[in-house]
């Protein structure tokens, strides 16, 4: 074996270069006319046509027209016992930094029954209370003045 007879195993065969005249005639393997017979032809993918048919930010979007839903702020008995608040209202929760300034008028505050109440709690009318939390508060000797008690 001579050095010029050695071939690489990773060698690829060259692709056929068509459309250049020569022994194949004037069409050179490209057929007659049509998009594929032209030089520099490029076939668009079908996805592009689908994308072009979609509306372009004209009032319909994923998050464009969604109304801001008020998110309920959950307060547990553990948080209340850590803060040491016995009379619970929106203003007392704001003073204890449970509610931020931006949440003051918008977010609903709800007390849920996670843990045990630390003594008798008095809940004002602006704070929502779950049914099980209201039962625990009343059992501990507290009062719930919220007409909007919900599950």
Protein backbone atom coordinates (compact mmCIF):
# COMPACT_ATOMS: atom_id res chain seq x y z
CA UNK A 1 0.00 0.00 0.00
CA UNK A 2 1.33 3.39 -0.99
CA UNK A 3 0.64 6.69 0.77
CA UNK A 4 -1.52 8.02 -2.06
CA UNK A 5 -3.79 4.97 -1.80
CA UNK A 6 -4.75 5.64 1.85
CA UNK A 7 -8.30 7.02 2.24
CA UNK A 8 -10.00 8.49 5.26
CA UNK A 9 -12.87 6.52 6.76
CA UNK A 10 -14.75 9.74 7.60
CA UNK A 11 -14.59 11.03 4.04
CA UNK A 12 -17.91 12.00 2.51
CA UNK A 13 -18.78 11.81 -1.13
CA UNK A 14 -19.38 15.17 -2.74
CA UNK A 15 -22.96 16.12 -3.49
CA UNK A 16 -23.97 16.34 -7.10
CA UNK A 17 -23.65 19.90 -8.40
CA UNK A 18 -26.43 20.34 -10.90
CA UNK A 19 -27.44 23.23 -13.10
CA UNK A 20 -24.07 24.05 -14.62
CA UNK A 21 -24.35 22.89 -18.21
CA UNK A 22 -21.91 20.28 -19.44
CA UNK A 23 -22.69 16.70 -20.39
CA UNK A 24 -26.17 16.64 -18.89
CA UNK A 25 -27.73 18.99 -21.41
CA UNK A 26 -29.28 22.41 -20.93
CA UNK A 27 -31.49 21.42 -17.97
CA UNK A 28 -28.75 19.51 -16.13
CA UNK A 29 -31.05 17.21 -14.15
CA UNK A 30 -33.40 19.97 -13.00
CA UNK A 31 -36.31 19.24 -15.30
CA UNK A 32 -38.15 21.91 -17.29
CA UNK A 33 -39.34 25.18 -15.76
CA UNK A 34 -40.86 25.54 -12.31
CA UNK A 35 -39.56 26.82 -8.99
CA UNK A 36 -37.09 23.99 -8.53
CA UNK A 37 -35.51 24.59 -11.93
CA UNK A 38 -34.53 28.18 -11.13
CA UNK A 39 -31.25 29.29 -9.66
CA UNK A 40 -31.34 30.25 -6.00
CA UNK A 41 -34.74 28.61 -5.48
CA UNK A 42 -35.93 28.28 -1.95
CA UNK A 43 -39.14 26.56 -0.83
CA UNK A 44 -40.79 28.20 2.16
CA UNK A 45 -41.77 25.91 5.02
CA UNK A 46 -45.51 25.49 5.68
CA UNK A 47 -45.05 26.84 9.22
CA UNK A 48 -44.27 30.28 7.85
CA UNK A 49 -47.57 30.43 5.99
CA UNK A 50 -49.40 29.46 9.19
CA UNK A 51 -47.58 32.17 11.17
CA UNK A 52 -48.46 34.80 8.57
CA UNK A 53 -52.16 33.95 8.85
CA UNK A 54 -52.24 34.59 12.61
CA UNK A 55 -53.44 38.05 13.74
CA UNK A 56 -50.67 40.43 14.69
CA UNK A 57 -51.34 41.97 18.12
CA UNK A 58 -54.78 43.28 17.19
CA UNK A 59 -56.51 43.04 20.53
CA UNK A 60 -56.21 39.28 20.94
CA UNK A 61 -53.22 38.13 22.92
CA UNK A 62 -52.22 35.72 25.62
CA UNK A 63 -51.95 38.26 28.44
CA UNK A 64 -52.99 41.43 26.66
CA UNK A 65 -56.66 41.74 27.57
CA UNK A 66 -56.76 39.70 30.75
CA UNK A 67 -58.28 41.60 33.64
CA UNK A 68 -56.23 41.79 36.79
CA UNK A 69 -57.83 39.35 39.20
CA UNK A 70 -57.65 40.34 42.86
CA UNK A 71 -55.52 37.81 44.70
CA UNK A 72 -56.55 36.95 48.23
CA UNK A 73 -53.83 37.42 50.83
CA UNK A 74 -53.76 34.39 53.16
CA UNK A 75 -52.97 34.94 56.85
CA UNK A 76 -52.46 31.99 59.21
CA UNK A 77 -52.78 31.74 62.98
CA UNK A 78 -49.01 31.28 63.18
CA UNK A 79 -48.47 34.68 61.56
CA UNK A 80 -50.93 36.34 63.91
CA UNK A 81 -49.34 34.79 67.01
CA UNK A 82 -45.86 35.81 65.81
CA UNK A 83 -47.01 39.41 65.38
CA UNK A 84 -48.94 39.41 68.67
CA UNK A 85 -52.10 41.01 67.25
CA UNK A 86 -55.34 40.32 69.14
CA UNK A 87 -57.69 42.80 67.42
CA UNK A 88 -57.42 42.02 63.72
CA UNK A 89 -58.52 44.58 61.13
CA UNK A 90 -57.11 45.73 57.80
CA UNK A 91 -55.49 48.75 59.47
CA UNK A 92 -53.82 46.64 62.19
CA UNK A 93 -52.50 44.21 59.54
CA UNK A 94 -51.16 47.19 57.56
CA UNK A 95 -49.48 48.55 60.68
CA UNK A 96 -47.85 45.16 61.26
CA UNK A 97 -46.61 45.11 57.59
CA UNK A 98 -48.73 42.08 56.66
CA UNK A 99 -50.45 44.20 53.99
CA UNK A 100 -48.33 46.50 51.85
CA UNK A 101 -49.33 49.99 50.75
CA UNK A 102 -50.29 48.81 47.26
CA UNK A 103 -52.44 45.97 48.70
CA UNK A 104 -54.33 48.18 51.12
CA UNK A 105 -57.43 48.80 49.04
CA UNK A 106 -57.33 45.97 46.51
CA UNK A 107 -56.40 42.61 47.97
CA UNK A 108 -58.80 40.70 50.14
CA UNK A 109 -57.36 39.38 53.41
CA UNK A 110 -58.48 35.96 54.59
CA UNK A 111 -57.64 34.12 57.81
CA UNK A 112 -57.33 30.35 57.35
CA UNK A 113 -57.26 27.62 59.99
CA UNK A 114 -53.62 26.60 59.84
CA UNK A 115 -52.48 25.88 63.38
CA UNK A 116 -54.22 27.10 66.54
CA UNK A 117 -55.23 30.61 67.57
CA UNK A 118 -53.05 32.05 70.31
CA UNK A 119 -55.71 33.22 72.76
CA UNK A 120 -58.95 35.07 71.98
CA UNK A 121 -58.89 36.96 68.68
CA UNK A 122 -61.33 39.70 67.63
CA UNK A 123 -61.81 39.84 63.86
CA UNK A 124 -63.12 43.09 62.32
CA UNK A 125 -65.62 43.29 59.46
CA UNK A 126 -63.12 43.92 56.63
CA UNK A 127 -61.28 40.62 57.03
CA UNK A 128 -62.52 37.34 55.53
CA UNK A 129 -62.41 34.21 57.68
CA UNK A 130 -62.74 30.59 56.59
CA UNK A 131 -65.47 28.55 58.27
CA UNK A 132 -63.02 26.28 60.10
CA UNK A 133 -60.95 29.27 61.26
CA UNK A 134 -64.11 30.99 62.56
CA UNK A 135 -65.00 27.84 64.52
CA UNK A 136 -61.50 27.72 66.07
CA UNK A 137 -61.61 31.42 66.97
CA UNK A 138 -65.02 31.09 68.64
CA UNK A 139 -63.87 27.98 70.50
CA UNK A 140 -60.89 29.95 71.85
CA UNK A 141 -63.25 32.69 73.13
CA UNK A 142 -62.78 35.19 70.30
CA UNK A 143 -65.31 37.01 68.11
CA UNK A 144 -65.77 37.14 64.35
CA UNK A 145 -67.60 40.21 63.04
CA UNK A 146 -67.14 39.39 59.38
CA UNK A 147 -70.45 38.96 57.53
CA UNK A 148 -68.44 37.72 54.55
CA UNK A 149 -67.11 34.55 56.19
CA UNK A 150 -66.41 32.11 53.40
CA UNK A 151 -64.98 28.66 52.92
